[in-house]
Amino acid sequence: MNPSSRLTNPNRALSAELVWEADPEDVMWLRAWFDGDQIYLRINNFPDDNLYSLWVGDGQFVELEEMPNGWSRSGPLSWPPTARRRRA
């Protein structure tokens, strides 16, 4: 994950048409392009937590129960063996 140097506007991202793919650098993270930057979506430990957390930058997240209608996923949910594992 290579966070953007600026905060993402969560309302604009939630209403955008986004295609998410597995982030090859970090297990259980997805990435998409938005406003010229990559943004990130974490897959959480459902049902203990919300299903997804949208990273909006600066350590802030928007918790989501499901993907918004304009979002889709491309490719399988698989990560290379070199991807960083989730910390406990």
Protein backbone atom coordinates (compact mmCIF):
# COMPACT_ATOMS: atom_id res chain seq x y z
CA MET A 1 0.00 0.00 0.00
CA ASN A 2 1.36 3.39 -1.01
CA PRO A 3 -0.90 5.96 0.62
CA SER A 4 -1.61 9.22 -1.15
CA SER A 5 -0.07 12.39 0.21
CA ARG A 6 -3.54 13.95 0.42
CA LEU A 7 -6.83 13.06 2.01
CA THR A 8 -9.44 11.41 -0.17
CA ASN A 9 -12.93 12.90 -0.12
CA PRO A 10 -14.92 9.87 1.10
CA ASN A 11 -18.28 11.14 -0.20
CA ARG A 12 -16.90 11.53 -3.73
CA ALA A 13 -15.17 8.14 -3.58
CA LEU A 14 -18.33 6.43 -2.31
CA SER A 15 -20.35 7.78 -5.25
CA ALA A 16 -17.65 7.19 -7.92
CA GLU A 17 -17.46 4.31 -10.39
CA LEU A 18 -14.45 2.35 -9.08
CA VAL A 19 -12.92 -0.97 -10.05
CA TRP A 20 -10.99 -2.61 -7.23
CA GLU A 21 -8.19 -5.17 -7.59
CA ALA A 22 -6.10 -7.07 -5.05
CA ASP A 23 -3.16 -4.92 -3.93
CA PRO A 24 -0.10 -7.10 -4.65
CA GLU A 25 1.82 -5.48 -1.80
CA ASP A 26 -0.57 -6.19 1.10
CA VAL A 27 -2.80 -9.16 1.81
CA MET A 28 -6.50 -8.33 2.33
CA TRP A 29 -6.19 -4.88 0.76
CA LEU A 30 -7.73 -3.79 -2.55
CA ARG A 31 -6.71 -0.77 -4.62
CA ALA A 32 -8.41 1.43 -7.20
CA TRP A 33 -7.60 4.63 -9.07
CA PHE A 34 -9.48 7.75 -7.99
CA ASP A 35 -8.64 11.37 -8.85
CA GLY A 36 -5.22 10.37 -10.17
CA ASP A 37 -4.20 8.50 -7.01
CA GLN A 38 -4.54 4.96 -5.83
CA ILE A 39 -6.95 4.54 -2.96
CA TYR A 40 -7.28 1.49 -0.74
CA LEU A 41 -9.98 -0.71 0.70
CA ARG A 42 -9.24 -3.14 3.52
CA ILE A 43 -11.16 -6.39 3.83
CA ASN A 44 -11.88 -6.83 7.53
CA ASN A 45 -12.53 -9.80 9.80
CA PHE A 46 -16.24 -10.06 9.08
CA PRO A 47 -18.60 -10.57 10.98
CA ASP A 48 -16.64 -9.24 13.97
CA ASP A 49 -16.01 -5.98 12.09
CA ASN A 50 -17.60 -4.19 9.16
CA LEU A 51 -16.82 -6.00 5.91
CA TYR A 52 -14.68 -3.17 4.45
CA SER A 53 -12.74 -0.09 5.55
CA LEU A 54 -12.04 2.62 2.98
CA TRP A 55 -8.67 4.28 3.65
CA VAL A 56 -9.13 8.01 3.18
CA GLY A 57 -5.61 8.91 4.28
CA ASP A 58 -3.88 10.22 7.38
CA GLY A 59 -4.87 7.12 9.37
CA GLN A 60 -8.58 7.67 8.79
CA PHE A 61 -11.07 5.06 7.60
CA VAL A 62 -14.71 4.95 6.52
CA GLU A 63 -16.34 1.70 7.64
CA LEU A 64 -18.60 -0.07 5.11
CA GLU A 65 -20.98 -3.02 5.39
CA GLU A 66 -20.89 -3.55 1.60
CA MET A 67 -19.46 -2.02 -1.56
CA PRO A 68 -21.44 0.89 -2.99
CA ASN A 69 -23.40 0.22 -6.20
CA GLY A 70 -20.82 1.92 -8.45
CA TRP A 71 -17.95 -0.21 -7.18
CA SER A 72 -16.86 -3.54 -8.62
CA ARG A 73 -13.97 -5.93 -8.21
CA SER A 74 -11.75 -7.22 -10.99
CA GLY A 75 -9.79 -10.41 -10.78
CA PRO A 76 -9.56 -12.98 -8.02
CA LEU A 77 -8.99 -12.29 -4.36
CA SER A 78 -5.47 -13.66 -4.36
CA TRP A 79 -2.16 -12.17 -3.34
CA PRO A 80 1.40 -13.11 -4.29
CA PRO A 81 3.55 -14.83 -1.66
CA THR A 82 5.65 -11.65 -1.43
CA ALA A 83 2.68 -9.57 -0.18
CA ARG A 84 2.89 -8.38 3.41
CA ARG A 85 0.64 -10.36 5.73
CA ARG A 86 -1.91 -8.66 7.92
CA ARG A 87 -0.64 -7.78 11.37
CA ALA A 88 -2.49 -9.32 14.29
